[in-house]
Amino acid sequence: MLGQIAYALPFLAQGFAVTLWVSLLVVVLSLVAGVMMGVGLVYGPAPLRWAVRIFSDTIRGIPILVLIFFVYYGLPAVGIHLESFWAAVLALTLFKTAQVIEYLRGAVGSIPK
């Protein structure tokens, strides 16, 4: 039993490191993109507001697992090939960006004028 745990520990540590790296990238990328798009949604011209709203509503309406499968299996069908790491980062970043847009819209909307 202890031998199996000792054997698996390096693999678990490696997986933990990859998880932290993916999380860090997704948080940074989604915050930057979400804030920029959220500001565009609140203060931008009408065409930009519509584009951001369509992106946000569409991505938030797709279950995260379906989005991950679409990025990993669907993008290669149209000629865009990503490693599994970057496919996960892209899918999670798209999903979290749409949520950050809505957080920012709600936060700005709650400020009294």
PDB file of N, CA and C in Angstrom:
ATOM      1  N   MET A   1       0.819  -1.194   0.000  1.00  0.00           N
ATOM      2  CA  MET A   1       0.000   0.000   0.000  1.00  0.00           C
ATOM      3  C   MET A   1       0.867   1.264   0.000  1.00  0.00           C
ATOM      4  N   LEU A   2       1.817   1.333   0.926  1.00  0.00           N
ATOM      5  CA  LEU A   2       2.691   2.501   0.971  1.00  0.00           C
ATOM      6  C   LEU A   2       3.567   2.590  -0.268  1.00  0.00           C
ATOM      7  N   GLY A   3       3.922   1.451  -0.826  1.00  0.00           N
ATOM      8  CA  GLY A   3       4.707   1.451  -2.054  1.00  0.00           C
ATOM      9  C   GLY A   3       3.936   2.052  -3.217  1.00  0.00           C
ATOM     10  N   GLN A   4       2.647   1.782  -3.281  1.00  0.00           N
ATOM     11  CA  GLN A   4       1.820   2.356  -4.343  1.00  0.00           C
ATOM     12  C   GLN A   4       1.685   3.863  -4.171  1.00  0.00           C
ATOM     13  N   ILE A   5       1.536   4.296  -2.938  1.00  0.00           N
ATOM     14  CA  ILE A   5       1.441   5.735  -2.676  1.00  0.00           C
ATOM     15  C   ILE A   5       2.755   6.415  -3.033  1.00  0.00           C
ATOM     16  N   ALA A   6       3.863   5.822  -2.633  1.00  0.00           N
ATOM     17  CA  ALA A   6       5.172   6.391  -2.954  1.00  0.00           C
ATOM     18  C   ALA A   6       5.391   6.428  -4.464  1.00  0.00           C
ATOM     19  N   TYR A   7       4.899   5.426  -5.175  1.00  0.00           N
ATOM     20  CA  TYR A   7       5.030   5.401  -6.628  1.00  0.00           C
ATOM     21  C   TYR A   7       4.187   6.499  -7.280  1.00  0.00           C
ATOM     22  N   ALA A   8       2.990   6.735  -6.746  1.00  0.00           N
ATOM     23  CA  ALA A   8       2.067   7.696  -7.358  1.00  0.00           C
ATOM     24  C   ALA A   8       2.371   9.137  -6.979  1.00  0.00           C
ATOM     25  N   LEU A   9       3.085   9.361  -5.894  1.00  0.00           N
ATOM     26  CA  LEU A   9       3.303  10.717  -5.391  1.00  0.00           C
ATOM     27  C   LEU A   9       3.955  11.661  -6.405  1.00  0.00           C
ATOM     28  N   PRO A  10       5.004  11.273  -7.126  1.00  0.00           N
ATOM     29  CA  PRO A  10       5.576  12.194  -8.115  1.00  0.00           C
ATOM     30  C   PRO A  10       4.584  12.568  -9.224  1.00  0.00           C
ATOM     31  N   PHE A  11       3.757  11.622  -9.628  1.00  0.00           N
ATOM     32  CA  PHE A  11       2.762  11.907 -10.662  1.00  0.00           C
ATOM     33  C   PHE A  11       1.706  12.883 -10.144  1.00  0.00           C
ATOM     34  N   LEU A  12       1.302  12.690  -8.898  1.00  0.00           N
ATOM     35  CA  LEU A  12       0.341  13.606  -8.288  1.00  0.00           C
ATOM     36  C   LEU A  12       0.933  15.002  -8.145  1.00  0.00           C
ATOM     37  N   ALA A  13       2.194  15.084  -7.759  1.00  0.00           N
ATOM     38  CA  ALA A  13       2.856  16.383  -7.624  1.00  0.00           C
ATOM     39  C   ALA A  13       2.961  17.074  -8.979  1.00  0.00           C
ATOM     40  N   GLN A  14       3.269  16.311 -10.012  1.00  0.00           N
ATOM     41  CA  GLN A  14       3.349  16.888 -11.353  1.00  0.00           C
ATOM     42  C   GLN A  14       1.977  17.383 -11.807  1.00  0.00           C
ATOM     43  N   GLY A  15       0.935  16.609 -11.555  1.00  0.00           N
ATOM     44  CA  GLY A  15      -0.420  17.035 -11.899  1.00  0.00           C
ATOM     45  C   GLY A  15      -0.846  18.270 -11.133  1.00  0.00           C
ATOM     46  N   PHE A  16      -0.445  18.348  -9.869  1.00  0.00           N
ATOM     47  CA  PHE A  16      -0.759  19.521  -9.056  1.00  0.00           C
ATOM     48  C   PHE A  16      -0.073  20.763  -9.621  1.00  0.00           C
ATOM     49  N   ALA A  17       1.185  20.621 -10.040  1.00  0.00           N
ATOM     50  CA  ALA A  17       1.910  21.751 -10.622  1.00  0.00           C
ATOM     51  C   ALA A  17       1.251  22.217 -11.921  1.00  0.00           C
ATOM     52  N   VAL A  18       0.831  21.282 -12.747  1.00  0.00           N
ATOM     53  CA  VAL A  18       0.155  21.642 -14.000  1.00  0.00           C
ATOM     54  C   VAL A  18      -1.168  22.345 -13.701  1.00  0.00           C
ATOM     55  N   THR A  19      -1.895  21.861 -12.710  1.00  0.00           N
ATOM     56  CA  THR A  19      -3.163  22.481 -12.327  1.00  0.00           C
ATOM     57  C   THR A  19      -2.952  23.913 -11.860  1.00  0.00           C
ATOM     58  N   LEU A  20      -1.919  24.138 -11.054  1.00  0.00           N
ATOM     59  CA  LEU A  20      -1.624  25.499 -10.600  1.00  0.00           C
ATOM     60  C   LEU A  20      -1.244  26.402 -11.764  1.00  0.00           C
ATOM     61  N   TRP A  21      -0.460  25.897 -12.702  1.00  0.00           N
ATOM     62  CA  TRP A  21      -0.037  26.678 -13.861  1.00  0.00           C
ATOM     63  C   TRP A  21      -1.238  27.036 -14.747  1.00  0.00           C
ATOM     64  N   VAL A  22      -2.116  26.073 -14.999  1.00  0.00           N
ATOM     65  CA  VAL A  22      -3.330  26.337 -15.781  1.00  0.00           C
ATOM     66  C   VAL A  22      -4.189  27.373 -15.064  1.00  0.00           C
ATOM     67  N   SER A  23      -4.354  27.218 -13.771  1.00  0.00           N
ATOM     68  CA  SER A  23      -5.178  28.149 -12.997  1.00  0.00           C
ATOM     69  C   SER A  23      -4.619  29.560 -13.057  1.00  0.00           C
ATOM     70  N   LEU A  24      -3.319  29.696 -12.892  1.00  0.00           N
ATOM     71  CA  LEU A  24      -2.698  31.018 -12.939  1.00  0.00           C
ATOM     72  C   LEU A  24      -2.896  31.668 -14.302  1.00  0.00           C
ATOM     73  N   LEU A  25      -2.647  30.915 -15.362  1.00  0.00           N
ATOM     74  CA  LEU A  25      -2.826  31.462 -16.709  1.00  0.00           C
ATOM     75  C   LEU A  25      -4.272  31.865 -16.968  1.00  0.00           C
ATOM     76  N   VAL A  26      -5.205  31.027 -16.574  1.00  0.00           N
ATOM     77  CA  VAL A  26      -6.619  31.309 -16.816  1.00  0.00           C
ATOM     78  C   VAL A  26      -7.059  32.541 -16.037  1.00  0.00           C
ATOM     79  N   VAL A  27      -6.645  32.661 -14.793  1.00  0.00           N
ATOM     80  CA  VAL A  27      -7.038  33.823 -13.989  1.00  0.00           C
ATOM     81  C   VAL A  27      -6.501  35.105 -14.609  1.00  0.00           C
ATOM     82  N   VAL A  28      -5.228  35.122 -14.958  1.00  0.00           N
ATOM     83  CA  VAL A  28      -4.628  36.336 -15.519  1.00  0.00           C
ATOM     84  C   VAL A  28      -5.257  36.684 -16.865  1.00  0.00           C
ATOM     85  N   LEU A  29      -5.331  35.712 -17.763  1.00  0.00           N
ATOM     86  CA  LEU A  29      -5.868  35.986 -19.100  1.00  0.00           C
ATOM     87  C   LEU A  29      -7.342  36.374 -19.061  1.00  0.00           C
ATOM     88  N   SER A  30      -8.130  35.689 -18.244  1.00  0.00           N
ATOM     89  CA  SER A  30      -9.561  35.996 -18.205  1.00  0.00           C
ATOM     90  C   SER A  30      -9.831  37.327 -17.522  1.00  0.00           C
ATOM     91  N   LEU A  31      -9.025  37.700 -16.530  1.00  0.00           N
ATOM     92  CA  LEU A  31      -9.214  39.011 -15.911  1.00  0.00           C
ATOM     93  C   LEU A  31      -8.901  40.131 -16.893  1.00  0.00           C
ATOM     94  N   VAL A  32      -7.792  40.003 -17.601  1.00  0.00           N
ATOM     95  CA  VAL A  32      -7.422  41.042 -18.566  1.00  0.00           C
ATOM     96  C   VAL A  32      -8.476  41.145 -19.671  1.00  0.00           C
ATOM     97  N   ALA A  33      -8.800  40.023 -20.293  1.00  0.00           N
ATOM     98  CA  ALA A  33      -9.776  40.040 -21.388  1.00  0.00           C
ATOM     99  C   ALA A  33     -11.162  40.422 -20.888  1.00  0.00           C
ATOM    100  N   GLY A  34     -11.556  39.911 -19.730  1.00  0.00           N
ATOM    101  CA  GLY A  34     -12.886  40.192 -19.199  1.00  0.00           C
ATOM    102  C   GLY A  34     -13.080  41.647 -18.828  1.00  0.00           C
ATOM    103  N   VAL A  35     -12.059  42.250 -18.231  1.00  0.00           N
ATOM    104  CA  VAL A  35     -12.173  43.666 -17.869  1.00  0.00           C
ATOM    105  C   VAL A  35     -12.231  44.523 -19.128  1.00  0.00           C
ATOM    106  N   MET A  36     -11.387  44.229 -20.106  1.00  0.00           N
ATOM    107  CA  MET A  36     -11.417  45.020 -21.341  1.00  0.00           C
ATOM    108  C   MET A  36     -12.761  44.877 -22.051  1.00  0.00           C
ATOM    109  N   MET A  37     -13.257  43.654 -22.152  1.00  0.00           N
ATOM    110  CA  MET A  37     -14.536  43.446 -22.830  1.00  0.00           C
ATOM    111  C   MET A  37     -15.695  43.969 -21.988  1.00  0.00           C
ATOM    112  N   GLY A  38     -15.592  43.877 -20.674  1.00  0.00           N
ATOM    113  CA  GLY A  38     -16.636  44.407 -19.805  1.00  0.00           C
ATOM    114  C   GLY A  38     -16.748  45.913 -19.903  1.00  0.00           C
ATOM    115  N   VAL A  39     -15.616  46.586 -19.971  1.00  0.00           N
ATOM    116  CA  VAL A  39     -15.632  48.039 -20.158  1.00  0.00           C
ATOM    117  C   VAL A  39     -16.236  48.362 -21.518  1.00  0.00           C
ATOM    118  N   GLY A  40     -15.906  47.569 -22.526  1.00  0.00           N
ATOM    119  CA  GLY A  40     -16.515  47.761 -23.843  1.00  0.00           C
ATOM    120  C   GLY A  40     -18.013  47.548 -23.813  1.00  0.00           C
ATOM    121  N   LEU A  41     -18.464  46.598 -23.008  1.00  0.00           N
ATOM    122  CA  LEU A  41     -19.902  46.333 -22.891  1.00  0.00           C
ATOM    123  C   LEU A  41     -20.625  47.492 -22.226  1.00  0.00           C
ATOM    124  N   VAL A  42     -20.020  48.074 -21.218  1.00  0.00           N
ATOM    125  CA  VAL A  42     -20.681  49.133 -20.456  1.00  0.00           C
ATOM    126  C   VAL A  42     -20.549  50.485 -21.143  1.00  0.00           C
ATOM    127  N   TYR A  43     -19.364  50.808 -21.642  1.00  0.00           N
ATOM    128  CA  TYR A  43     -19.106  52.158 -22.142  1.00  0.00           C
ATOM    129  C   TYR A  43     -18.857  52.239 -23.646  1.00  0.00           C
ATOM    130  N   GLY A  44     -18.809  51.123 -24.332  1.00  0.00           N
ATOM    131  CA  GLY A  44     -18.449  51.122 -25.741  1.00  0.00           C
ATOM    132  C   GLY A  44     -19.591  51.515 -26.662  1.00  0.00           C
ATOM    133  N   PRO A  45     -19.277  51.688 -27.940  1.00  0.00           N
ATOM    134  CA  PRO A  45     -20.312  51.973 -28.935  1.00  0.00           C
ATOM    135  C   PRO A  45     -21.211  50.751 -29.136  1.00  0.00           C
ATOM    136  N   ALA A  46     -22.346  50.983 -29.742  1.00  0.00           N
ATOM    137  CA  ALA A  46     -23.358  49.931 -29.892  1.00  0.00           C
ATOM    138  C   ALA A  46     -22.837  48.665 -30.579  1.00  0.00           C
ATOM    139  N   PRO A  47     -22.085  48.751 -31.682  1.00  0.00           N
ATOM    140  CA  PRO A  47     -21.614  47.504 -32.305  1.00  0.00           C
ATOM    141  C   PRO A  47     -20.705  46.688 -31.375  1.00  0.00           C
ATOM    142  N   LEU A  48     -19.868  47.366 -30.615  1.00  0.00           N
ATOM    143  CA  LEU A  48     -19.004  46.663 -29.669  1.00  0.00           C
ATOM    144  C   LEU A  48     -19.824  46.045 -28.546  1.00  0.00           C
ATOM    145  N   ARG A  49     -20.799  46.775 -28.044  1.00  0.00           N
ATOM    146  CA  ARG A  49     -21.666  46.240 -26.985  1.00  0.00           C
ATOM    147  C   ARG A  49     -22.389  44.989 -27.461  1.00  0.00           C
ATOM    148  N   TRP A  50     -22.895  45.020 -28.693  1.00  0.00           N
ATOM    149  CA  TRP A  50     -23.596  43.849 -29.227  1.00  0.00           C
ATOM    150  C   TRP A  50     -22.652  42.661 -29.377  1.00  0.00           C
ATOM    151  N   ALA A  51     -21.446  42.914 -29.880  1.00  0.00           N
ATOM    152  CA  ALA A  51     -20.484  41.823 -30.070  1.00  0.00           C
ATOM    153  C   ALA A  51     -20.097  41.194 -28.729  1.00  0.00           C
ATOM    154  N   VAL A  52     -19.844  42.034 -27.733  1.00  0.00           N
ATOM    155  CA  VAL A  52     -19.474  41.515 -26.415  1.00  0.00           C
ATOM    156  C   VAL A  52     -20.650  40.778 -25.789  1.00  0.00           C
ATOM    157  N   ARG A  53     -21.847  41.309 -25.939  1.00  0.00           N
ATOM    158  CA  ARG A  53     -23.032  40.662 -25.366  1.00  0.00           C
ATOM    159  C   ARG A  53     -23.266  39.295 -26.019  1.00  0.00           C
ATOM    160  N   ILE A  54     -23.113  39.221 -27.339  1.00  0.00           N
ATOM    161  CA  ILE A  54     -23.287  37.940 -28.034  1.00  0.00           C
ATOM    162  C   ILE A  54     -22.238  36.936 -27.561  1.00  0.00           C
ATOM    163  N   PHE A  55     -20.978  37.375 -27.457  1.00  0.00           N
ATOM    164  CA  PHE A  55     -19.917  36.492 -26.962  1.00  0.00           C
ATOM    165  C   PHE A  55     -20.232  36.001 -25.558  1.00  0.00           C
ATOM    166  N   SER A  56     -20.556  36.923 -24.679  1.00  0.00           N
ATOM    167  CA  SER A  56     -20.794  36.576 -23.275  1.00  0.00           C
ATOM    168  C   SER A  56     -21.979  35.633 -23.122  1.00  0.00           C
ATOM    169  N   ASP A  57     -23.084  35.958 -23.751  1.00  0.00           N
ATOM    170  CA  ASP A  57     -24.279  35.120 -23.618  1.00  0.00           C
ATOM    171  C   ASP A  57     -24.082  33.742 -24.246  1.00  0.00           C
ATOM    172  N   THR A  58     -23.382  33.700 -25.369  1.00  0.00           N
ATOM    173  CA  THR A  58     -23.150  32.420 -26.032  1.00  0.00           C
ATOM    174  C   THR A  58     -22.244  31.523 -25.191  1.00  0.00           C
ATOM    175  N   ILE A  59     -21.136  32.053 -24.739  1.00  0.00           N
ATOM    176  CA  ILE A  59     -20.182  31.249 -23.973  1.00  0.00           C
ATOM    177  C   ILE A  59     -20.777  30.827 -22.635  1.00  0.00           C
ATOM    178  N   ARG A  60     -21.501  31.721 -21.974  1.00  0.00           N
ATOM    179  CA  ARG A  60     -22.096  31.356 -20.685  1.00  0.00           C
ATOM    180  C   ARG A  60     -23.201  30.322 -20.843  1.00  0.00           C
ATOM    181  N   GLY A  61     -23.780  30.234 -22.028  1.00  0.00           N
ATOM    182  CA  GLY A  61     -24.835  29.260 -22.274  1.00  0.00           C
ATOM    183  C   GLY A  61     -24.334  27.868 -22.628  1.00  0.00           C
ATOM    184  N   ILE A  62     -23.037  27.746 -22.859  1.00  0.00           N
ATOM    185  CA  ILE A  62     -22.455  26.451 -23.215  1.00  0.00           C
ATOM    186  C   ILE A  62     -21.889  25.810 -21.946  1.00  0.00           C
ATOM    187  N   PRO A  63     -22.252  24.576 -21.650  1.00  0.00           N
ATOM    188  CA  PRO A  63     -21.642  23.907 -20.493  1.00  0.00           C
ATOM    189  C   PRO A  63     -20.118  23.808 -20.662  1.00  0.00           C
ATOM    190  N   ILE A  64     -19.400  23.944 -19.559  1.00  0.00           N
ATOM    191  CA  ILE A  64     -17.937  23.998 -19.619  1.00  0.00           C
ATOM    192  C   ILE A  64     -17.340  22.734 -20.235  1.00  0.00           C
ATOM    193  N   LEU A  65     -17.909  21.586 -19.944  1.00  0.00           N
ATOM    194  CA  LEU A  65     -17.367  20.345 -20.508  1.00  0.00           C
ATOM    195  C   LEU A  65     -17.554  20.308 -22.026  1.00  0.00           C
ATOM    196  N   VAL A  66     -18.680  20.801 -22.503  1.00  0.00           N
ATOM    197  CA  VAL A  66     -18.918  20.865 -23.950  1.00  0.00           C
ATOM    198  C   VAL A  66     -17.932  21.835 -24.592  1.00  0.00           C
ATOM    199  N   LEU A  67     -17.670  22.952 -23.934  1.00  0.00           N
ATOM    200  CA  LEU A  67     -16.718  23.926 -24.460  1.00  0.00           C
ATOM    201  C   LEU A  67     -15.306  23.334 -24.525  1.00  0.00           C
ATOM    202  N   ILE A  68     -14.915  22.612 -23.498  1.00  0.00           N
ATOM    203  CA  ILE A  68     -13.596  21.964 -23.503  1.00  0.00           C
ATOM    204  C   ILE A  68     -13.512  20.955 -24.644  1.00  0.00           C
ATOM    205  N   PHE A  69     -14.542  20.137 -24.813  1.00  0.00           N
ATOM    206  CA  PHE A  69     -14.543  19.164 -25.910  1.00  0.00           C
ATOM    207  C   PHE A  69     -14.517  19.864 -27.265  1.00  0.00           C
ATOM    208  N   PHE A  70     -15.264  20.962 -27.394  1.00  0.00           N
ATOM    209  CA  PHE A  70     -15.283  21.690 -28.664  1.00  0.00           C
ATOM    210  C   PHE A  70     -13.899  22.236 -28.992  1.00  0.00           C
ATOM    211  N   VAL A  71     -13.243  22.836 -28.022  1.00  0.00           N
ATOM    212  CA  VAL A  71     -11.915  23.398 -28.277  1.00  0.00           C
ATOM    213  C   VAL A  71     -10.917  22.284 -28.591  1.00  0.00           C
ATOM    214  N   TYR A  72     -10.975  21.199 -27.843  1.00  0.00           N
ATOM    215  CA  TYR A  72      -9.983  20.130 -28.016  1.00  0.00           C
ATOM    216  C   TYR A  72     -10.214  19.315 -29.291  1.00  0.00           C
ATOM    217  N   TYR A  73     -11.484  19.012 -29.590  1.00  0.00           N
ATOM    218  CA  TYR A  73     -11.778  18.171 -30.754  1.00  0.00           C
ATOM    219  C   TYR A  73     -12.284  18.961 -31.960  1.00  0.00           C
ATOM    220  N   GLY A  74     -12.930  20.097 -31.737  1.00  0.00           N
ATOM    221  CA  GLY A  74     -13.525  20.843 -32.832  1.00  0.00           C
ATOM    222  C   GLY A  74     -12.549  21.735 -33.576  1.00  0.00           C
ATOM    223  N   LEU A  75     -11.638  22.373 -32.854  1.00  0.00           N
ATOM    224  CA  LEU A  75     -10.688  23.257 -33.525  1.00  0.00           C
ATOM    225  C   LEU A  75      -9.762  22.522 -34.489  1.00  0.00           C
ATOM    226  N   PRO A  76      -9.271  21.324 -34.168  1.00  0.00           N
ATOM    227  CA  PRO A  76      -8.462  20.611 -35.165  1.00  0.00           C
ATOM    228  C   PRO A  76      -9.230  20.300 -36.454  1.00  0.00           C
ATOM    229  N   ALA A  77     -10.539  20.191 -36.370  1.00  0.00           N
ATOM    230  CA  ALA A  77     -11.337  19.923 -37.573  1.00  0.00           C
ATOM    231  C   ALA A  77     -11.307  21.098 -38.542  1.00  0.00           C
ATOM    232  N   VAL A  78     -11.044  22.307 -38.033  1.00  0.00           N
ATOM    233  CA  VAL A  78     -10.960  23.485 -38.898  1.00  0.00           C
ATOM    234  C   VAL A  78      -9.513  23.939 -39.094  1.00  0.00           C
ATOM    235  N   GLY A  79      -8.565  23.090 -38.709  1.00  0.00           N
ATOM    236  CA  GLY A  79      -7.162  23.374 -38.985  1.00  0.00           C
ATOM    237  C   GLY A  79      -6.391  24.049 -37.871  1.00  0.00           C
ATOM    238  N   ILE A  80      -6.980  24.216 -36.710  1.00  0.00           N
ATOM    239  CA  ILE A  80      -6.286  24.833 -35.577  1.00  0.00           C
ATOM    240  C   ILE A  80      -5.920  23.722 -34.602  1.00  0.00           C
ATOM    241  N   HIS A  81      -4.638  23.431 -34.498  1.00  0.00           N
ATOM    242  CA  HIS A  81      -4.178  22.327 -33.658  1.00  0.00           C
ATOM    243  C   HIS A  81      -3.498  22.886 -32.412  1.00  0.00           C
ATOM    244  N   LEU A  82      -4.011  22.528 -31.254  1.00  0.00           N
ATOM    245  CA  LEU A  82      -3.455  22.960 -29.976  1.00  0.00           C
ATOM    246  C   LEU A  82      -3.063  21.741 -29.158  1.00  0.00           C
ATOM    247  N   GLU A  83      -2.011  21.898 -28.366  1.00  0.00           N
ATOM    248  CA  GLU A  83      -1.689  20.856 -27.400  1.00  0.00           C
ATOM    249  C   GLU A  83      -2.795  20.826 -26.354  1.00  0.00           C
ATOM    250  N   SER A  84      -2.906  19.721 -25.658  1.00  0.00           N
ATOM    251  CA  SER A  84      -3.989  19.578 -24.677  1.00  0.00           C
ATOM    252  C   SER A  84      -3.912  20.641 -23.591  1.00  0.00           C
ATOM    253  N   PHE A  85      -2.712  21.005 -23.178  1.00  0.00           N
ATOM    254  CA  PHE A  85      -2.547  22.044 -22.157  1.00  0.00           C
ATOM    255  C   PHE A  85      -3.156  23.357 -22.627  1.00  0.00           C
ATOM    256  N   TRP A  86      -2.806  23.777 -23.844  1.00  0.00           N
ATOM    257  CA  TRP A  86      -3.282  25.061 -24.358  1.00  0.00           C
ATOM    258  C   TRP A  86      -4.759  25.013 -24.726  1.00  0.00           C
ATOM    259  N   ALA A  87      -5.252  23.861 -25.114  1.00  0.00           N
ATOM    260  CA  ALA A  87      -6.691  23.723 -25.361  1.00  0.00           C
ATOM    261  C   ALA A  87      -7.468  23.924 -24.070  1.00  0.00           C
ATOM    262  N   ALA A  88      -6.971  23.367 -22.976  1.00  0.00           N
ATOM    263  CA  ALA A  88      -7.621  23.553 -21.677  1.00  0.00           C
ATOM    264  C   ALA A  88      -7.559  25.008 -21.245  1.00  0.00           C
ATOM    265  N   VAL A  89      -6.403  25.630 -21.422  1.00  0.00           N
ATOM    266  CA  VAL A  89      -6.262  27.044 -21.050  1.00  0.00           C
ATOM    267  C   VAL A  89      -7.216  27.905 -21.872  1.00  0.00           C
ATOM    268  N   LEU A  90      -7.305  27.660 -23.169  1.00  0.00           N
ATOM    269  CA  LEU A  90      -8.196  28.446 -24.023  1.00  0.00           C
ATOM    270  C   LEU A  90      -9.654  28.269 -23.630  1.00  0.00           C
ATOM    271  N   ALA A  91     -10.087  27.037 -23.454  1.00  0.00           N
ATOM    272  CA  ALA A  91     -11.489  26.784 -23.115  1.00  0.00           C
ATOM    273  C   ALA A  91     -11.852  27.406 -21.771  1.00  0.00           C
ATOM    274  N   LEU A  92     -11.016  27.213 -20.777  1.00  0.00           N
ATOM    275  CA  LEU A  92     -11.306  27.775 -19.456  1.00  0.00           C
ATOM    276  C   LEU A  92     -11.224  29.296 -19.463  1.00  0.00           C
ATOM    277  N   THR A  93     -10.304  29.852 -20.248  1.00  0.00           N
ATOM    278  CA  THR A  93     -10.200  31.308 -20.347  1.00  0.00           C
ATOM    279  C   THR A  93     -11.440  31.897 -21.007  1.00  0.00           C
ATOM    280  N   LEU A  94     -11.928  31.282 -22.070  1.00  0.00           N
ATOM    281  CA  LEU A  94     -13.157  31.764 -22.703  1.00  0.00           C
ATOM    282  C   LEU A  94     -14.315  31.749 -21.716  1.00  0.00           C
ATOM    283  N   PHE A  95     -14.438  30.653 -20.984  1.00  0.00           N
ATOM    284  CA  PHE A  95     -15.538  30.501 -20.033  1.00  0.00           C
ATOM    285  C   PHE A  95     -15.455  31.541 -18.916  1.00  0.00           C
ATOM    286  N   LYS A  96     -14.283  31.706 -18.334  1.00  0.00           N
ATOM    287  CA  LYS A  96     -14.135  32.650 -17.226  1.00  0.00           C
ATOM    288  C   LYS A  96     -14.199  34.095 -17.712  1.00  0.00           C
ATOM    289  N   THR A  97     -13.750  34.370 -18.923  1.00  0.00           N
ATOM    290  CA  THR A  97     -13.843  35.724 -19.467  1.00  0.00           C
ATOM    291  C   THR A  97     -15.296  36.158 -19.556  1.00  0.00           C
ATOM    292  N   ALA A  98     -16.158  35.271 -20.022  1.00  0.00           N
ATOM    293  CA  ALA A  98     -17.585  35.597 -20.108  1.00  0.00           C
ATOM    294  C   ALA A  98     -18.155  35.888 -18.727  1.00  0.00           C
ATOM    295  N   GLN A  99     -17.699  35.183 -17.713  1.00  0.00           N
ATOM    296  CA  GLN A  99     -18.180  35.445 -16.360  1.00  0.00           C
ATOM    297  C   GLN A  99     -17.642  36.765 -15.821  1.00  0.00           C
ATOM    298  N   VAL A 100     -16.381  37.068 -16.093  1.00  0.00           N
ATOM    299  CA  VAL A 100     -15.800  38.333 -15.632  1.00  0.00           C
ATOM    300  C   VAL A 100     -16.517  39.510 -16.280  1.00  0.00           C
ATOM    301  N   ILE A 101     -16.893  39.374 -17.544  1.00  0.00           N
ATOM    302  CA  ILE A 101     -17.652  40.433 -18.218  1.00  0.00           C
ATOM    303  C   ILE A 101     -18.930  40.729 -17.445  1.00  0.00           C
ATOM    304  N   GLU A 102     -19.632  39.693 -17.052  1.00  0.00           N
ATOM    305  CA  GLU A 102     -20.887  39.884 -16.322  1.00  0.00           C
ATOM    306  C   GLU A 102     -20.653  40.422 -14.917  1.00  0.00           C
ATOM    307  N   TYR A 103     -19.572  39.998 -14.269  1.00  0.00           N
ATOM    308  CA  TYR A 103     -19.247  40.549 -12.950  1.00  0.00           C
ATOM    309  C   TYR A 103     -19.022  42.051 -13.055  1.00  0.00           C
ATOM    310  N   LEU A 104     -18.258  42.463 -14.062  1.00  0.00           N
ATOM    311  CA  LEU A 104     -17.952  43.883 -14.229  1.00  0.00           C
ATOM    312  C   LEU A 104     -19.206  44.671 -14.583  1.00  0.00           C
ATOM    313  N   ARG A 105     -20.028  44.131 -15.472  1.00  0.00           N
ATOM    314  CA  ARG A 105     -21.266  44.818 -15.841  1.00  0.00           C
ATOM    315  C   ARG A 105     -22.152  45.010 -14.619  1.00  0.00           C
ATOM    316  N   GLY A 106     -22.285  43.980 -13.814  1.00  0.00           N
ATOM    317  CA  GLY A 106     -23.098  44.078 -12.610  1.00  0.00           C
ATOM    318  C   GLY A 106     -22.514  45.039 -11.594  1.00  0.00           C
ATOM    319  N   ALA A 107     -21.197  45.037 -11.455  1.00  0.00           N
ATOM    320  CA  ALA A 107     -20.551  45.935 -10.496  1.00  0.00           C
ATOM    321  C   ALA A 107     -20.722  47.390 -10.906  1.00  0.00           C
ATOM    322  N   VAL A 108     -20.519  47.676 -12.178  1.00  0.00           N
ATOM    323  CA  VAL A 108     -20.681  49.056 -12.652  1.00  0.00           C
ATOM    324  C   VAL A 108     -22.147  49.466 -12.574  1.00  0.00           C
ATOM    325  N   GLY A 109     -23.042  48.544 -12.879  1.00  0.00           N
ATOM    326  CA  GLY A 109     -24.473  48.853 -12.823  1.00  0.00           C
ATOM    327  C   GLY A 109     -24.987  49.088 -11.418  1.00  0.00           C
ATOM    328  N   SER A 110     -24.302  48.580 -10.415  1.00  0.00           N
ATOM    329  CA  SER A 110     -24.767  48.755  -9.035  1.00  0.00           C
ATOM    330  C   SER A 110     -24.321  50.073  -8.424  1.00  0.00           C
ATOM    331  N   ILE A 111     -23.450  50.791  -9.105  1.00  0.00           N
ATOM    332  CA  ILE A 111     -22.987  52.081  -8.592  1.00  0.00           C
ATOM    333  C   ILE A 111     -24.051  53.125  -8.899  1.00  0.00           C
ATOM    334  N   PRO A 112     -24.546  53.830  -7.866  1.00  0.00           N
ATOM    335  CA  PRO A 112     -25.570  54.843  -8.128  1.00  0.00           C
ATOM    336  C   PRO A 112     -24.993  56.009  -8.931  1.00  0.00           C
ATOM    337  N   LYS A 113     -25.851  56.557  -9.775  1.00  0.00           N
ATOM    338  CA  LYS A 113     -25.401  57.684 -10.615  1.00  0.00           C
ATOM    339  C   LYS A 113     -25.679  59.002  -9.958  1.00  0.00           C
TER     340      LYS A 113
END
